[in-house]
């Protein structure tokens, strides 16, 4: 689907970098509920009812192992288990944040996925998107089909939008600002407007972090995850 759109728009796309946020970053949900009961065929996990295919997990797990080995890390059994858990965590987060994006009505048009792919240096040749490099990377490095990778990009962009939407609604009121000036600065006046703005920005960042933590904790309390790591035994 997106490959066709890419061919249609490849001469008209401005190569803009769209940030991809959080999919590789751990956020403690606290409410994770892992079990290993029953059998789900080729699904290694179920997140709030959505199944994560075993082959999709393997693509992430293999990629993590490859990156670790390329960086010179020696992977013993414990290290490989950590990479396994990280791969699962990232996939769980992807499902959860996609659910939240849908809940808030976030949509990602095909063209935004196109721009994200076209702006990726690994997929460019002489400054332009290269279908050849794209296909090669999917097969040899990412171990994903185009549809799977493009869906991951769509979800990443959706969460970036959701994060921006939530942050844009968070403000530091004048009352909060005055209270923090009295508390953190003991009422000491600012030397300049620049210093005052920097202090307000610092307070805003703290408030964003606090609000996001509250949101993640709320999500975590309702989160239900079933994992089936026993399926890996038969795949070695």
Foldseek 3Di string as FASTA:
>chain_A
DLVVVCVVCQVPADQDAQDQDDLQPDDDLVQEDEDADDDDVQFFKAKVRRTDGVLLLVLQLVLLVVVCVVVPHDADPVNSVVSSVSSVRSVNVLVLLLVVLVVVVQFDDSVNLSSNQQNDPQQDDPSGGHPVSVVVCCVPRRVHDPVVVSVSSRSRSSSVVVLVVVLVPQAQDPVNLVVCCCVVVVVDDDPDVVRSVVVRVVVSVVVSVVVVSVVSNVSSNPMYMYGHCVVVVVVD
